[in-house]
Amino acid sequence: MTKKIRELIAELEKAGFVNRGEKGSHRNFMHPLLIRSVVISGKAGDDAKKYQEKAVEAAIAEAKK
C-alpha cells in the first residue's frame, strides 16, 4: 500500500528532521547530522511516489549511523 505524503513527513520528524522551509508544494527537511536535505513534494493527502519513500528511508538510515 502506498504511503501518503503526510506519513513520510511524520516519519522524518520522528527521526529528528526539521522542515527548513517551503517553496510551493516542496518541503525541505534537514537533520543536524546530515549535510544534504530531503525534499518532499506534493500535498499532504497525495500518495507518495516510490522514489520519495526510498529517499526518506535512506535519509533516516543515514541519520541513524
C-alpha atoms as a PDB file:
ATOM      1  CA  MET A   1       0.000   0.000   0.000  1.00  0.00           C
ATOM      2  CA  THR A   2       1.308   3.404  -0.940  1.00  0.00           C
ATOM      3  CA  LYS A   3       2.042   5.827   1.878  1.00  0.00           C
ATOM      4  CA  LYS A   4       0.710   9.361   1.963  1.00  0.00           C
ATOM      5  CA  ILE A   5       2.958  12.434   1.929  1.00  0.00           C
ATOM      6  CA  ARG A   6       1.837  13.246   5.486  1.00  0.00           C
ATOM      7  CA  GLU A   7       3.113   9.831   6.628  1.00  0.00           C
ATOM      8  CA  LEU A   8       6.552  10.488   5.123  1.00  0.00           C
ATOM      9  CA  ILE A   9       6.680  13.869   6.846  1.00  0.00           C
ATOM     10  CA  ALA A  10       5.733  12.276  10.179  1.00  0.00           C
ATOM     11  CA  GLU A  11       8.495   9.669   9.776  1.00  0.00           C
ATOM     12  CA  LEU A  12      11.070  12.365   9.045  1.00  0.00           C
ATOM     13  CA  GLU A  13      10.012  14.486  12.012  1.00  0.00           C
ATOM     14  CA  LYS A  14      10.057  11.454  14.307  1.00  0.00           C
ATOM     15  CA  ALA A  15      13.639  10.753  13.189  1.00  0.00           C
ATOM     16  CA  GLY A  16      14.732  14.300  14.093  1.00  0.00           C
ATOM     17  CA  PHE A  17      14.438  16.058  10.742  1.00  0.00           C
ATOM     18  CA  VAL A  18      13.260  19.675  10.713  1.00  0.00           C
ATOM     19  CA  ASN A  19      11.367  21.446   7.946  1.00  0.00           C
ATOM     20  CA  ARG A  20      13.661  24.315   6.973  1.00  0.00           C
ATOM     21  CA  GLY A  21      11.185  25.959   4.652  1.00  0.00           C
ATOM     22  CA  GLU A  22       8.772  25.502   1.823  1.00  0.00           C
ATOM     23  CA  LYS A  23       8.531  26.789  -1.699  1.00  0.00           C
ATOM     24  CA  GLY A  24       5.188  25.976  -3.239  1.00  0.00           C
ATOM     25  CA  SER A  25       4.461  22.324  -2.590  1.00  0.00           C
ATOM     26  CA  HIS A  26       8.111  21.419  -1.877  1.00  0.00           C
ATOM     27  CA  ARG A  27       9.273  20.922   1.714  1.00  0.00           C
ATOM     28  CA  ASN A  28      12.964  20.775   2.630  1.00  0.00           C
ATOM     29  CA  PHE A  29      13.900  18.657   5.634  1.00  0.00           C
ATOM     30  CA  MET A  30      17.314  18.841   7.277  1.00  0.00           C
ATOM     31  CA  HIS A  31      18.881  16.742  10.013  1.00  0.00           C
ATOM     32  CA  PRO A  32      21.637  18.112  12.275  1.00  0.00           C
ATOM     33  CA  LEU A  33      23.933  15.174  11.439  1.00  0.00           C
ATOM     34  CA  LEU A  34      23.485  15.235   7.653  1.00  0.00           C
ATOM     35  CA  ILE A  35      24.828  17.611   5.039  1.00  0.00           C
ATOM     36  CA  ARG A  36      22.158  17.050   2.397  1.00  0.00           C
ATOM     37  CA  SER A  37      18.457  17.745   2.682  1.00  0.00           C
ATOM     38  CA  VAL A  38      15.436  15.632   1.790  1.00  0.00           C
ATOM     39  CA  VAL A  39      12.897  17.296  -0.487  1.00  0.00           C
ATOM     40  CA  ILE A  40       9.282  16.125  -0.328  1.00  0.00           C
ATOM     41  CA  SER A  41       6.879  17.490  -2.910  1.00  0.00           C
ATOM     42  CA  GLY A  42       3.116  17.224  -3.089  1.00  0.00           C
ATOM     43  CA  LYS A  43       0.099  17.927  -0.938  1.00  0.00           C
ATOM     44  CA  ALA A  44      -0.234  16.168   2.421  1.00  0.00           C
ATOM     45  CA  GLY A  45      -3.055  13.924   1.225  1.00  0.00           C
ATOM     46  CA  ASP A  46      -1.373  12.846  -2.022  1.00  0.00           C
ATOM     47  CA  ASP A  47       0.040   9.367  -2.486  1.00  0.00           C
ATOM     48  CA  ALA A  48       3.814   9.316  -2.162  1.00  0.00           C
ATOM     49  CA  LYS A  49       5.872   8.226  -5.118  1.00  0.00           C
ATOM     50  CA  LYS A  50       8.127   5.199  -4.744  1.00  0.00           C
ATOM     51  CA  TYR A  51      11.275   7.337  -5.134  1.00  0.00           C
ATOM     52  CA  GLN A  52      10.088   9.587  -2.296  1.00  0.00           C
ATOM     53  CA  GLU A  53       9.604   6.614   0.013  1.00  0.00           C
ATOM     54  CA  LYS A  54      13.095   5.312  -0.846  1.00  0.00           C
ATOM     55  CA  ALA A  55      14.662   8.749  -0.285  1.00  0.00           C
ATOM     56  CA  VAL A  56      13.046   9.056   3.143  1.00  0.00           C
ATOM     57  CA  GLU A  57      14.115   5.539   4.158  1.00  0.00           C
ATOM     58  CA  ALA A  58      17.688   6.182   3.014  1.00  0.00           C
ATOM     59  CA  ALA A  59      17.914   9.535   4.805  1.00  0.00           C
ATOM     60  CA  ILE A  60      16.587   8.092   8.060  1.00  0.00           C
ATOM     61  CA  ALA A  61      19.022   5.173   7.851  1.00  0.00           C
ATOM     62  CA  GLU A  62      21.906   7.570   7.164  1.00  0.00           C
ATOM     63  CA  ALA A  63      20.947   9.763  10.123  1.00  0.00           C
ATOM     64  CA  LYS A  64      20.968   6.756  12.482  1.00  0.00           C
ATOM     65  CA  LYS A  65      24.606   5.873  11.691  1.00  0.00           C
END
